[in-house]
Amino acid sequence: PRIDTAGNIYARLEGTNRTLSPILIGSHV
């Protein structure tokens, strides 16, 4: 996990094509 400058938490699962934009999925706690 990483925390961006706004305090949001992110974590990435790489895809087969890194040139494509990511799918974003989540919510809040």
mmCIF file of all heavy atoms, coordinates in Angstrom:
data_MODEL
# 
_entry.id   MODEL 
# 
loop_
_atom_site.group_PDB 
_atom_site.id 
_atom_site.type_symbol 
_atom_site.label_atom_id 
_atom_site.label_alt_id 
_atom_site.label_comp_id 
_atom_site.label_asym_id 
_atom_site.label_entity_id 
_atom_site.label_seq_id 
_atom_site.pdbx_PDB_ins_code 
_atom_site.Cartn_x 
_atom_site.Cartn_y 
_atom_site.Cartn_z 
_atom_site.occupancy 
_atom_site.B_iso_or_equiv 
_atom_site.pdbx_formal_charge 
_atom_site.auth_seq_id 
_atom_site.auth_comp_id 
_atom_site.auth_asym_id 
_atom_site.auth_atom_id 
_atom_site.pdbx_PDB_model_num 
ATOM 1   N N   . PRO A 1 1  ? 0.827   -1.210 0.000   1.00 0.00 ? 1  PRO A N   1 
ATOM 2   C CA  . PRO A 1 1  ? 0.000   0.000  0.000   1.00 0.00 ? 1  PRO A CA  1 
ATOM 3   C C   . PRO A 1 1  ? 0.861   1.260  0.000   1.00 0.00 ? 1  PRO A C   1 
ATOM 4   O O   . PRO A 1 1  ? 1.953   1.278  0.560   1.00 0.00 ? 1  PRO A O   1 
ATOM 5   C CB  . PRO A 1 1  ? -0.804  -0.114 1.294   1.00 0.00 ? 1  PRO A CB  1 
ATOM 6   C CG  . PRO A 1 1  ? 0.010   -0.989 2.181   1.00 0.00 ? 1  PRO A CG  1 
ATOM 7   C CD  . PRO A 1 1  ? 0.733   -1.952 1.280   1.00 0.00 ? 1  PRO A CD  1 
ATOM 8   N N   . ARG A 1 2  ? 0.371   2.296  -0.637  1.00 0.00 ? 2  ARG A N   1 
ATOM 9   C CA  . ARG A 1 2  ? 1.040   3.592  -0.617  1.00 0.00 ? 2  ARG A CA  1 
ATOM 10  C C   . ARG A 1 2  ? 0.004   4.661  -0.315  1.00 0.00 ? 2  ARG A C   1 
ATOM 11  O O   . ARG A 1 2  ? -1.192  4.485  -0.607  1.00 0.00 ? 2  ARG A O   1 
ATOM 12  C CB  . ARG A 1 2  ? 1.742   3.883  -1.946  1.00 0.00 ? 2  ARG A CB  1 
ATOM 13  C CG  . ARG A 1 2  ? 0.812   4.097  -3.115  1.00 0.00 ? 2  ARG A CG  1 
ATOM 14  C CD  . ARG A 1 2  ? 1.560   4.482  -4.387  1.00 0.00 ? 2  ARG A CD  1 
ATOM 15  N NE  . ARG A 1 2  ? 0.652   4.721  -5.501  1.00 0.00 ? 2  ARG A NE  1 
ATOM 16  C CZ  . ARG A 1 2  ? 0.036   5.863  -5.752  1.00 0.00 ? 2  ARG A CZ  1 
ATOM 17  N NH1 . ARG A 1 2  ? 0.244   6.908  -4.937  1.00 0.00 ? 2  ARG A NH1 1 
ATOM 18  N NH2 . ARG A 1 2  ? -0.787  5.996  -6.777  1.00 0.00 ? 2  ARG A NH2 1 
ATOM 19  N N   . ILE A 1 3  ? 0.436   5.754  0.263   1.00 0.00 ? 3  ILE A N   1 
ATOM 20  C CA  . ILE A 1 3  ? -0.445  6.866  0.593   1.00 0.00 ? 3  ILE A CA  1 
ATOM 21  C C   . ILE A 1 3  ? -0.069  8.051  -0.279  1.00 0.00 ? 3  ILE A C   1 
ATOM 22  O O   . ILE A 1 3  ? 1.097   8.474  -0.307  1.00 0.00 ? 3  ILE A O   1 
ATOM 23  C CB  . ILE A 1 3  ? -0.330  7.230  2.088   1.00 0.00 ? 3  ILE A CB  1 
ATOM 24  C CG1 . ILE A 1 3  ? -0.742  6.035  2.948   1.00 0.00 ? 3  ILE A CG1 1 
ATOM 25  C CG2 . ILE A 1 3  ? -1.188  8.442  2.414   1.00 0.00 ? 3  ILE A CG2 1 
ATOM 26  C CD1 . ILE A 1 3  ? -0.547  6.249  4.423   1.00 0.00 ? 3  ILE A CD1 1 
ATOM 27  N N   . ASP A 1 4  ? -1.044  8.572  -1.020  1.00 0.00 ? 4  ASP A N   1 
ATOM 28  C CA  . ASP A 1 4  ? -0.720  9.721  -1.869  1.00 0.00 ? 4  ASP A CA  1 
ATOM 29  C C   . ASP A 1 4  ? -0.697  10.994 -1.025  1.00 0.00 ? 4  ASP A C   1 
ATOM 30  O O   . ASP A 1 4  ? -0.938  10.968 0.184   1.00 0.00 ? 4  ASP A O   1 
ATOM 31  C CB  . ASP A 1 4  ? -1.679  9.816  -3.063  1.00 0.00 ? 4  ASP A CB  1 
ATOM 32  C CG  . ASP A 1 4  ? -3.090  10.271 -2.682  1.00 0.00 ? 4  ASP A CG  1 
ATOM 33  O OD1 . ASP A 1 4  ? -3.351  10.515 -1.483  1.00 0.00 ? 4  ASP A OD1 1 
ATOM 34  O OD2 . ASP A 1 4  ? -3.937  10.380 -3.593  1.00 0.00 ? 4  ASP A OD2 1 
ATOM 35  N N   . THR A 1 5  ? -0.406  12.108 -1.650  1.00 0.00 ? 5  THR A N   1 
ATOM 36  C CA  . THR A 1 5  ? -0.227  13.358 -0.909  1.00 0.00 ? 5  THR A CA  1 
ATOM 37  C C   . THR A 1 5  ? -1.525  13.858 -0.291  1.00 0.00 ? 5  THR A C   1 
ATOM 38  O O   . THR A 1 5  ? -1.506  14.716 0.593   1.00 0.00 ? 5  THR A O   1 
ATOM 39  C CB  . THR A 1 5  ? 0.351   14.453 -1.818  1.00 0.00 ? 5  THR A CB  1 
ATOM 40  O OG1 . THR A 1 5  ? -0.513  14.634 -2.955  1.00 0.00 ? 5  THR A OG1 1 
ATOM 41  C CG2 . THR A 1 5  ? 1.746   14.068 -2.302  1.00 0.00 ? 5  THR A CG2 1 
ATOM 42  N N   . ALA A 1 6  ? -2.672  13.321 -0.742  1.00 0.00 ? 6  ALA A N   1 
ATOM 43  C CA  . ALA A 1 6  ? -3.962  13.702 -0.161  1.00 0.00 ? 6  ALA A CA  1 
ATOM 44  C C   . ALA A 1 6  ? -4.362  12.790 0.984   1.00 0.00 ? 6  ALA A C   1 
ATOM 45  O O   . ALA A 1 6  ? -5.358  13.044 1.661   1.00 0.00 ? 6  ALA A O   1 
ATOM 46  C CB  . ALA A 1 6  ? -5.046  13.671 -1.232  1.00 0.00 ? 6  ALA A CB  1 
ATOM 47  N N   . GLY A 1 7  ? -3.599  11.712 1.211   1.00 0.00 ? 7  GLY A N   1 
ATOM 48  C CA  . GLY A 1 7  ? -3.935  10.785 2.273   1.00 0.00 ? 7  GLY A CA  1 
ATOM 49  C C   . GLY A 1 7  ? -4.756  9.594  1.830   1.00 0.00 ? 7  GLY A C   1 
ATOM 50  O O   . GLY A 1 7  ? -5.150  8.768  2.654   1.00 0.00 ? 7  GLY A O   1 
ATOM 51  N N   . ASN A 1 8  ? -5.025  9.474  0.527   1.00 0.00 ? 8  ASN A N   1 
ATOM 52  C CA  . ASN A 1 8  ? -5.733  8.303  0.012   1.00 0.00 ? 8  ASN A CA  1 
ATOM 53  C C   . ASN A 1 8  ? -4.782  7.110  -0.052  1.00 0.00 ? 8  ASN A C   1 
ATOM 54  O O   . ASN A 1 8  ? -3.596  7.268  -0.327  1.00 0.00 ? 8  ASN A O   1 
ATOM 55  C CB  . ASN A 1 8  ? -6.295  8.577  -1.383  1.00 0.00 ? 8  ASN A CB  1 
ATOM 56  C CG  . ASN A 1 8  ? -7.299  9.708  -1.394  1.00 0.00 ? 8  ASN A CG  1 
ATOM 57  O OD1 . ASN A 1 8  ? -8.210  9.745  -0.571  1.00 0.00 ? 8  ASN A OD1 1 
ATOM 58  N ND2 . ASN A 1 8  ? -7.129  10.651 -2.318  1.00 0.00 ? 8  ASN A ND2 1 
ATOM 59  N N   . ILE A 1 9  ? -5.315  5.916  0.190   1.00 0.00 ? 9  ILE A N   1 
ATOM 60  C CA  . ILE A 1 9  ? -4.512  4.695  0.168   1.00 0.00 ? 9  ILE A CA  1 
ATOM 61  C C   . ILE A 1 9  ? -4.688  4.007  -1.184  1.00 0.00 ? 9  ILE A C   1 
ATOM 62  O O   . ILE A 1 9  ? -5.819  3.821  -1.652  1.00 0.00 ? 9  ILE A O   1 
ATOM 63  C CB  . ILE A 1 9  ? -4.935  3.740  1.296   1.00 0.00 ? 9  ILE A CB  1 
ATOM 64  C CG1 . ILE A 1 9  ? -4.785  4.416  2.663   1.00 0.00 ? 9  ILE A CG1 1 
ATOM 65  C CG2 . ILE A 1 9  ? -4.131  2.441  1.248   1.00 0.00 ? 9  ILE A CG2 1 
ATOM 66  C CD1 . ILE A 1 9  ? -5.418  3.627  3.802   1.00 0.00 ? 9  ILE A CD1 1 
ATOM 67  N N   . TYR A 1 10 ? -3.589  3.614  -1.803  1.00 0.00 ? 10 TYR A N   1 
ATOM 68  C CA  . TYR A 1 10 ? -3.610  2.918  -3.080  1.00 0.00 ? 10 TYR A CA  1 
ATOM 69  C C   . TYR A 1 10 ? -2.796  1.628  -2.994  1.00 0.00 ? 10 TYR A C   1 
ATOM 70  O O   . TYR A 1 10 ? -1.854  1.520  -2.203  1.00 0.00 ? 10 TYR A O   1 
ATOM 71  C CB  . TYR A 1 10 ? -2.993  3.784  -4.190  1.00 0.00 ? 10 TYR A CB  1 
ATOM 72  C CG  . TYR A 1 10 ? -3.864  4.909  -4.685  1.00 0.00 ? 10 TYR A CG  1 
ATOM 73  C CD1 . TYR A 1 10 ? -3.825  6.164  -4.072  1.00 0.00 ? 10 TYR A CD1 1 
ATOM 74  C CD2 . TYR A 1 10 ? -4.699  4.748  -5.784  1.00 0.00 ? 10 TYR A CD2 1 
ATOM 75  C CE1 . TYR A 1 10 ? -4.613  7.217  -4.528  1.00 0.00 ? 10 TYR A CE1 1 
ATOM 76  C CE2 . TYR A 1 10 ? -5.482  5.798  -6.250  1.00 0.00 ? 10 TYR A CE2 1 
ATOM 77  C CZ  . TYR A 1 10 ? -5.435  7.028  -5.627  1.00 0.00 ? 10 TYR A CZ  1 
ATOM 78  O OH  . TYR A 1 10 ? -6.214  8.064  -6.090  1.00 0.00 ? 10 TYR A OH  1 
ATOM 79  N N   . ALA A 1 11 ? -3.156  0.674  -3.830  1.00 0.00 ? 11 ALA A N   1 
ATOM 80  C CA  . ALA A 1 11 ? -2.341  -0.530 -4.028  1.00 0.00 ? 11 ALA A CA  1 
ATOM 81  C C   . ALA A 1 11 ? -2.609  -1.025 -5.442  1.00 0.00 ? 11 ALA A C   1 
ATOM 82  O O   . ALA A 1 11 ? -3.754  -0.971 -5.913  1.00 0.00 ? 11 ALA A O   1 
ATOM 83  C CB  . ALA A 1 11 ? -2.675  -1.609 -3.006  1.00 0.00 ? 11 ALA A CB  1 
ATOM 84  N N   . ARG A 1 12 ? -1.584  -1.513 -6.127  1.00 0.00 ? 12 ARG A N   1 
ATOM 85  C CA  . ARG A 1 12 ? -1.727  -1.867 -7.556  1.00 0.00 ? 12 ARG A CA  1 
ATOM 86  C C   . ARG A 1 12 ? -1.454  -3.334 -7.831  1.00 0.00 ? 12 ARG A C   1 
ATOM 87  O O   . ARG A 1 12 ? -0.516  -3.928 -7.287  1.00 0.00 ? 12 ARG A O   1 
ATOM 88  C CB  . ARG A 1 12 ? -0.791  -1.008 -8.411  1.00 0.00 ? 12 ARG A CB  1 
ATOM 89  C CG  . ARG A 1 12 ? -0.697  -1.448 -9.880  1.00 0.00 ? 12 ARG A CG  1 
ATOM 90  C CD  . ARG A 1 12 ? -0.078  -0.400 -10.767 1.00 0.00 ? 12 ARG A CD  1 
ATOM 91  N NE  . ARG A 1 12 ? -0.946  0.783  -10.894 1.00 0.00 ? 12 ARG A NE  1 
ATOM 92  C CZ  . ARG A 1 12 ? -0.787  1.738  -11.807 1.00 0.00 ? 12 ARG A CZ  1 
ATOM 93  N NH1 . ARG A 1 12 ? 0.228   1.667  -12.664 1.00 0.00 ? 12 ARG A NH1 1 
ATOM 94  N NH2 . ARG A 1 12 ? -1.601  2.767  -11.863 1.00 0.00 ? 12 ARG A NH2 1 
ATOM 95  N N   . LEU A 1 13 ? -2.296  -3.887 -8.705  1.00 0.00 ? 13 LEU A N   1 
ATOM 96  C CA  . LEU A 1 13 ? -2.042  -5.184 -9.327  1.00 0.00 ? 13 LEU A CA  1 
ATOM 97  C C   . LEU A 1 13 ? -1.726  -4.894 -10.787 1.00 0.00 ? 13 LEU A C   1 
ATOM 98  O O   . LEU A 1 13 ? -2.583  -4.397 -11.521 1.00 0.00 ? 13 LEU A O   1 
ATOM 99  C CB  . LEU A 1 13 ? -3.270  -6.079 -9.217  1.00 0.00 ? 13 LEU A CB  1 
ATOM 100 C CG  . LEU A 1 13 ? -3.180  -7.450 -9.902  1.00 0.00 ? 13 LEU A CG  1 
ATOM 101 C CD1 . LEU A 1 13 ? -2.155  -8.331 -9.191  1.00 0.00 ? 13 LEU A CD1 1 
ATOM 102 C CD2 . LEU A 1 13 ? -4.547  -8.139 -9.947  1.00 0.00 ? 13 LEU A CD2 1 
ATOM 103 N N   . GLU A 1 14 ? -0.507  -5.180 -11.198 1.00 0.00 ? 14 GLU A N   1 
ATOM 104 C CA  . GLU A 1 14 ? -0.101  -4.858 -12.563 1.00 0.00 ? 14 GLU A CA  1 
ATOM 105 C C   . GLU A 1 14 ? -0.877  -5.682 -13.587 1.00 0.00 ? 14 GLU A C   1 
ATOM 106 O O   . GLU A 1 14 ? -1.243  -6.842 -13.338 1.00 0.00 ? 14 GLU A O   1 
ATOM 107 C CB  . GLU A 1 14 ? 1.399   -5.102 -12.751 1.00 0.00 ? 14 GLU A CB  1 
ATOM 108 C CG  . GLU A 1 14 ? 2.284   -4.133 -11.977 1.00 0.00 ? 14 GLU A CG  1 
ATOM 109 C CD  . GLU A 1 14 ? 2.207   -2.700 -12.479 1.00 0.00 ? 14 GLU A CD  1 
ATOM 110 O OE1 . GLU A 1 14 ? 1.570   -2.464 -13.534 1.00 0.00 ? 14 GLU A OE1 1 
ATOM 111 O OE2 . GLU A 1 14 ? 2.764   -1.802 -11.823 1.00 0.00 ? 14 GLU A OE2 1 
ATOM 112 N N   . GLY A 1 15 ? -1.117  -5.082 -14.757 1.00 0.00 ? 15 GLY A N   1 
ATOM 113 C CA  . GLY A 1 15 ? -1.762  -5.781 -15.854 1.00 0.00 ? 15 GLY A CA  1 
ATOM 114 C C   . GLY A 1 15 ? -0.740  -6.260 -16.873 1.00 0.00 ? 15 GLY A C   1 
ATOM 115 O O   . GLY A 1 15 ? 0.470   -6.074 -16.695 1.00 0.00 ? 15 GLY A O   1 
ATOM 116 N N   . THR A 1 16 ? -1.225  -6.874 -17.921 1.00 0.00 ? 16 THR A N   1 
ATOM 117 C CA  . THR A 1 16 ? -0.305  -7.358 -18.956 1.00 0.00 ? 16 THR A CA  1 
ATOM 118 C C   . THR A 1 16 ? 0.165   -6.231 -19.868 1.00 0.00 ? 16 THR A C   1 
ATOM 119 O O   . THR A 1 16 ? 1.161   -6.374 -20.570 1.00 0.00 ? 16 THR A O   1 
ATOM 120 C CB  . THR A 1 16 ? -0.983  -8.444 -19.806 1.00 0.00 ? 16 THR A CB  1 
ATOM 121 O OG1 . THR A 1 16 ? -2.167  -7.906 -20.422 1.00 0.00 ? 16 THR A OG1 1 
ATOM 122 C CG2 . THR A 1 16 ? -1.368  -9.643 -18.947 1.00 0.00 ? 16 THR A CG2 1 
ATOM 123 N N   . ASN A 1 17 ? -0.547  -5.097 -19.872 1.00 0.00 ? 17 ASN A N   1 
ATOM 124 C CA  . ASN A 1 17 ? -0.191  -3.976 -20.733 1.00 0.00 ? 17 ASN A CA  1 
ATOM 125 C C   . ASN A 1 17 ? -0.034  -2.723 -19.871 1.00 0.00 ? 17 ASN A C   1 
ATOM 126 O O   . ASN A 1 17 ? -1.021  -2.082 -19.520 1.00 0.00 ? 17 ASN A O   1 
ATOM 127 C CB  . ASN A 1 17 ? -1.252  -3.766 -21.811 1.00 0.00 ? 17 ASN A CB  1 
ATOM 128 C CG  . ASN A 1 17 ? -0.840  -2.732 -22.842 1.00 0.00 ? 17 ASN A CG  1 
ATOM 129 O OD1 . ASN A 1 17 ? 0.069   -1.931 -22.628 1.00 0.00 ? 17 ASN A OD1 1 
ATOM 130 N ND2 . ASN A 1 17 ? -1.506  -2.735 -23.986 1.00 0.00 ? 17 ASN A ND2 1 
ATOM 131 N N   . ARG A 1 18 ? 1.175   -2.398 -19.511 1.00 0.00 ? 18 ARG A N   1 
ATOM 132 C CA  . ARG A 1 18 ? 1.422   -1.265 -18.616 1.00 0.00 ? 18 ARG A CA  1 
ATOM 133 C C   . ARG A 1 18 ? 1.185   0.089  -19.276 1.00 0.00 ? 18 ARG A C   1 
ATOM 134 O O   . ARG A 1 18 ? 1.236   1.125  -18.608 1.00 0.00 ? 18 ARG A O   1 
ATOM 135 C CB  . ARG A 1 18 ? 2.845   -1.336 -18.063 1.00 0.00 ? 18 ARG A CB  1 
ATOM 136 C CG  . ARG A 1 18 ? 3.079   -2.557 -17.178 1.00 0.00 ? 18 ARG A CG  1 
ATOM 137 C CD  . ARG A 1 18 ? 4.373   -2.427 -16.415 1.00 0.00 ? 18 ARG A CD  1 
ATOM 138 N NE  . ARG A 1 18 ? 4.586   -3.564 -15.512 1.00 0.00 ? 18 ARG A NE  1 
ATOM 139 C CZ  . ARG A 1 18 ? 5.526   -3.608 -14.587 1.00 0.00 ? 18 ARG A CZ  1 
ATOM 140 N NH1 . ARG A 1 18 ? 6.349   -2.585 -14.432 1.00 0.00 ? 18 ARG A NH1 1 
ATOM 141 N NH2 . ARG A 1 18 ? 5.660   -4.672 -13.816 1.00 0.00 ? 18 ARG A NH2 1 
ATOM 142 N N   . THR A 1 19 ? 0.944   0.103  -20.566 1.00 0.00 ? 19 THR A N   1 
ATOM 143 C CA  . THR A 1 19 ? 0.660   1.379  -21.233 1.00 0.00 ? 19 THR A CA  1 
ATOM 144 C C   . THR A 1 19 ? -0.796  1.789  -21.052 1.00 0.00 ? 19 THR A C   1 
ATOM 145 O O   . THR A 1 19 ? -1.159  2.932  -21.340 1.00 0.00 ? 19 THR A O   1 
ATOM 146 C CB  . THR A 1 19 ? 0.972   1.291  -22.738 1.00 0.00 ? 19 THR A CB  1 
ATOM 147 O OG1 . THR A 1 19 ? 0.062   0.371  -23.369 1.00 0.00 ? 19 THR A OG1 1 
ATOM 148 C CG2 . THR A 1 19 ? 2.410   0.826  -22.976 1.00 0.00 ? 19 THR A CG2 1 
ATOM 149 N N   . LEU A 1 20 ? -1.627  0.862  -20.582 1.00 0.00 ? 20 LEU A N   1 
ATOM 150 C CA  . LEU A 1 20 ? -3.043  1.168  -20.400 1.00 0.00 ? 20 LEU A CA  1 
ATOM 151 C C   . LEU A 1 20 ? -3.279  1.835  -19.054 1.00 0.00 ? 20 LEU A C   1 
ATOM 152 O O   . LEU A 1 20 ? -2.573  1.577  -18.080 1.00 0.00 ? 20 LEU A O   1 
ATOM 153 C CB  . LEU A 1 20 ? -3.872  -0.116 -20.492 1.00 0.00 ? 20 LEU A CB  1 
ATOM 154 C CG  . LEU A 1 20 ? -3.858  -0.837 -21.840 1.00 0.00 ? 20 LEU A CG  1 
ATOM 155 C CD1 . LEU A 1 20 ? -4.654  -2.132 -21.750 1.00 0.00 ? 20 LEU A CD1 1 
ATOM 156 C CD2 . LEU A 1 20 ? -4.411  0.059  -22.942 1.00 0.00 ? 20 LEU A CD2 1 
ATOM 157 N N   . SER A 1 21 ? -4.298  2.681  -18.999 1.00 0.00 ? 21 SER A N   1 
ATOM 158 C CA  . SER A 1 21 ? -4.657  3.342  -17.745 1.00 0.00 ? 21 SER A CA  1 
ATOM 159 C C   . SER A 1 21 ? -5.259  2.318  -16.786 1.00 0.00 ? 21 SER A C   1 
ATOM 160 O O   . SER A 1 21 ? -5.876  1.340  -17.208 1.00 0.00 ? 21 SER A O   1 
ATOM 161 C CB  . SER A 1 21 ? -5.679  4.455  -18.009 1.00 0.00 ? 21 SER A CB  1 
ATOM 162 O OG  . SER A 1 21 ? -5.142  5.426  -18.878 1.00 0.00 ? 21 SER A OG  1 
ATOM 163 N N   . PRO A 1 22 ? -5.096  2.529  -15.485 1.00 0.00 ? 22 PRO A N   1 
ATOM 164 C CA  . PRO A 1 22 ? -5.593  1.551  -14.521 1.00 0.00 ? 22 PRO A CA  1 
ATOM 165 C C   . PRO A 1 22 ? -7.104  1.607  -14.328 1.00 0.00 ? 22 PRO A C   1 
ATOM 166 O O   . PRO A 1 22 ? -7.736  2.648  -14.482 1.00 0.00 ? 22 PRO A O   1 
ATOM 167 C CB  . PRO A 1 22 ? -4.873  1.940  -13.227 1.00 0.00 ? 22 PRO A CB  1 
ATOM 168 C CG  . PRO A 1 22 ? -4.646  3.410  -13.373 1.00 0.00 ? 22 PRO A CG  1 
ATOM 169 C CD  . PRO A 1 22 ? -4.355  3.627  -14.830 1.00 0.00 ? 22 PRO A CD  1 
ATOM 170 N N   . ILE A 1 23 ? -7.664  0.462  -13.980 1.00 0.00 ? 23 ILE A N   1 
ATOM 171 C CA  . ILE A 1 23 ? -9.033  0.383  -13.474 1.00 0.00 ? 23 ILE A CA  1 
ATOM 172 C C   . ILE A 1 23 ? -8.951  0.745  -11.998 1.00 0.00 ? 23 ILE A C   1 
ATOM 173 O O   . ILE A 1 23 ? -8.095  0.239  -11.280 1.00 0.00 ? 23 ILE A O   1 
ATOM 174 C CB  . ILE A 1 23 ? -9.595  -1.041 -13.617 1.00 0.00 ? 23 ILE A CB  1 
ATOM 175 C CG1 . ILE A 1 23 ? -9.560  -1.490 -15.069 1.00 0.00 ? 23 ILE A CG1 1 
ATOM 176 C CG2 . ILE A 1 23 ? -10.998 -1.134 -13.034 1.00 0.00 ? 23 ILE A CG2 1 
ATOM 177 C CD1 . ILE A 1 23 ? -9.728  -2.992 -15.226 1.00 0.00 ? 23 ILE A CD1 1 
ATOM 178 N N   . LEU A 1 24 ? -9.826  1.615  -11.542 1.00 0.00 ? 24 LEU A N   1 
ATOM 179 C CA  . LEU A 1 24 ? -9.827  2.041  -10.141 1.00 0.00 ? 24 LEU A CA  1 
ATOM 180 C C   . LEU A 1 24 ? -11.040 1.412  -9.454  1.00 0.00 ? 24 LEU A C   1 
ATOM 181 O O   . LEU A 1 24 ? -12.157 1.507  -9.960  1.00 0.00 ? 24 LEU A O   1 
ATOM 182 C CB  . LEU A 1 24 ? -9.898  3.568  -10.073 1.00 0.00 ? 24 LEU A CB  1 
ATOM 183 C CG  . LEU A 1 24 ? -9.453  4.258  -8.784  1.00 0.00 ? 24 LEU A CG  1 
ATOM 184 C CD1 . LEU A 1 24 ? -8.009  3.911  -8.451  1.00 0.00 ? 24 LEU A CD1 1 
ATOM 185 C CD2 . LEU A 1 24 ? -9.614  5.773  -8.915  1.00 0.00 ? 24 LEU A CD2 1 
ATOM 186 N N   . ILE A 1 25 ? -10.811 0.748  -8.320  1.00 0.00 ? 25 ILE A N   1 
ATOM 187 C CA  . ILE A 1 25 ? -11.894 0.102  -7.597  1.00 0.00 ? 25 ILE A CA  1 
ATOM 188 C C   . ILE A 1 25 ? -11.671 0.269  -6.106  1.00 0.00 ? 25 ILE A C   1 
ATOM 189 O O   . ILE A 1 25 ? -10.546 0.117  -5.620  1.00 0.00 ? 25 ILE A O   1 
ATOM 190 C CB  . ILE A 1 25 ? -11.990 -1.397 -7.974  1.00 0.00 ? 25 ILE A CB  1 
ATOM 191 C CG1 . ILE A 1 25 ? -13.109 -2.089 -7.180  1.00 0.00 ? 25 ILE A CG1 1 
ATOM 192 C CG2 . ILE A 1 25 ? -10.670 -2.120 -7.782  1.00 0.00 ? 25 ILE A CG2 1 
ATOM 193 C CD1 . ILE A 1 25 ? -13.392 -3.515 -7.641  1.00 0.00 ? 25 ILE A CD1 1 
ATOM 194 N N   . GLY A 1 26 ? -12.716 0.637  -5.379  1.00 0.00 ? 26 GLY A N   1 
ATOM 195 C CA  . GLY A 1 26 ? -12.550 0.828  -3.944  1.00 0.00 ? 26 GLY A CA  1 
ATOM 196 C C   . GLY A 1 26 ? -13.682 1.628  -3.343  1.00 0.00 ? 26 GLY A C   1 
ATOM 197 O O   . GLY A 1 26 ? -14.741 1.811  -3.945  1.00 0.00 ? 26 GLY A O   1 
ATOM 198 N N   . SER A 1 27 ? -13.444 2.157  -2.131  1.00 0.00 ? 27 SER A N   1 
ATOM 199 C CA  . SER A 1 27 ? -14.450 2.947  -1.423  1.00 0.00 ? 27 SER A CA  1 
ATOM 200 C C   . SER A 1 27 ? -13.755 3.665  -0.265  1.00 0.00 ? 27 SER A C   1 
ATOM 201 O O   . SER A 1 27 ? -12.656 4.196  -0.448  1.00 0.00 ? 27 SER A O   1 
ATOM 202 C CB  . SER A 1 27 ? -15.600 2.060  -0.931  1.00 0.00 ? 27 SER A CB  1 
ATOM 203 O OG  . SER A 1 27 ? -16.684 2.833  -0.462  1.00 0.00 ? 27 SER A OG  1 
ATOM 204 N N   . HIS A 1 28 ? -14.341 3.665  0.917   1.00 0.00 ? 28 HIS A N   1 
ATOM 205 C CA  . HIS A 1 28 ? -13.769 4.360  2.071   1.00 0.00 ? 28 HIS A CA  1 
ATOM 206 C C   . HIS A 1 28 ? -13.970 3.515  3.308   1.00 0.00 ? 28 HIS A C   1 
ATOM 207 O O   . HIS A 1 28 ? -14.797 2.582  3.316   1.00 0.00 ? 28 HIS A O   1 
ATOM 208 C CB  . HIS A 1 28 ? -14.419 5.734  2.263   1.00 0.00 ? 28 HIS A CB  1 
ATOM 209 C CG  . HIS A 1 28 ? -15.898 5.651  2.568   1.00 0.00 ? 28 HIS A CG  1 
ATOM 210 N ND1 . HIS A 1 28 ? -16.402 5.640  3.857   1.00 0.00 ? 28 HIS A ND1 1 
ATOM 211 C CD2 . HIS A 1 28 ? -16.979 5.552  1.752   1.00 0.00 ? 28 HIS A CD2 1 
ATOM 212 C CE1 . HIS A 1 28 ? -17.716 5.543  3.817   1.00 0.00 ? 28 HIS A CE1 1 
ATOM 213 N NE2 . HIS A 1 28 ? -18.106 5.480  2.559   1.00 0.00 ? 28 HIS A NE2 1 
ATOM 214 N N   . VAL A 1 29 ? -13.247 3.821  4.394   1.00 0.00 ? 29 VAL A N   1 
ATOM 215 C CA  . VAL A 1 29 ? -13.418 3.082  5.650   1.00 0.00 ? 29 VAL A CA  1 
ATOM 216 C C   . VAL A 1 29 ? -13.734 4.003  6.824   1.00 0.00 ? 29 VAL A C   1 
ATOM 217 O O   . VAL A 1 29 ? -13.908 3.528  7.945   1.00 0.00 ? 29 VAL A O   1 
ATOM 218 C CB  . VAL A 1 29 ? -12.178 2.208  5.984   1.00 0.00 ? 29 VAL A CB  1 
ATOM 219 C CG1 . VAL A 1 29 ? -12.011 1.109  4.948   1.00 0.00 ? 29 VAL A CG1 1 
ATOM 220 C CG2 . VAL A 1 29 ? -10.912 3.045  6.106   1.00 0.00 ? 29 VAL A CG2 1 
# 
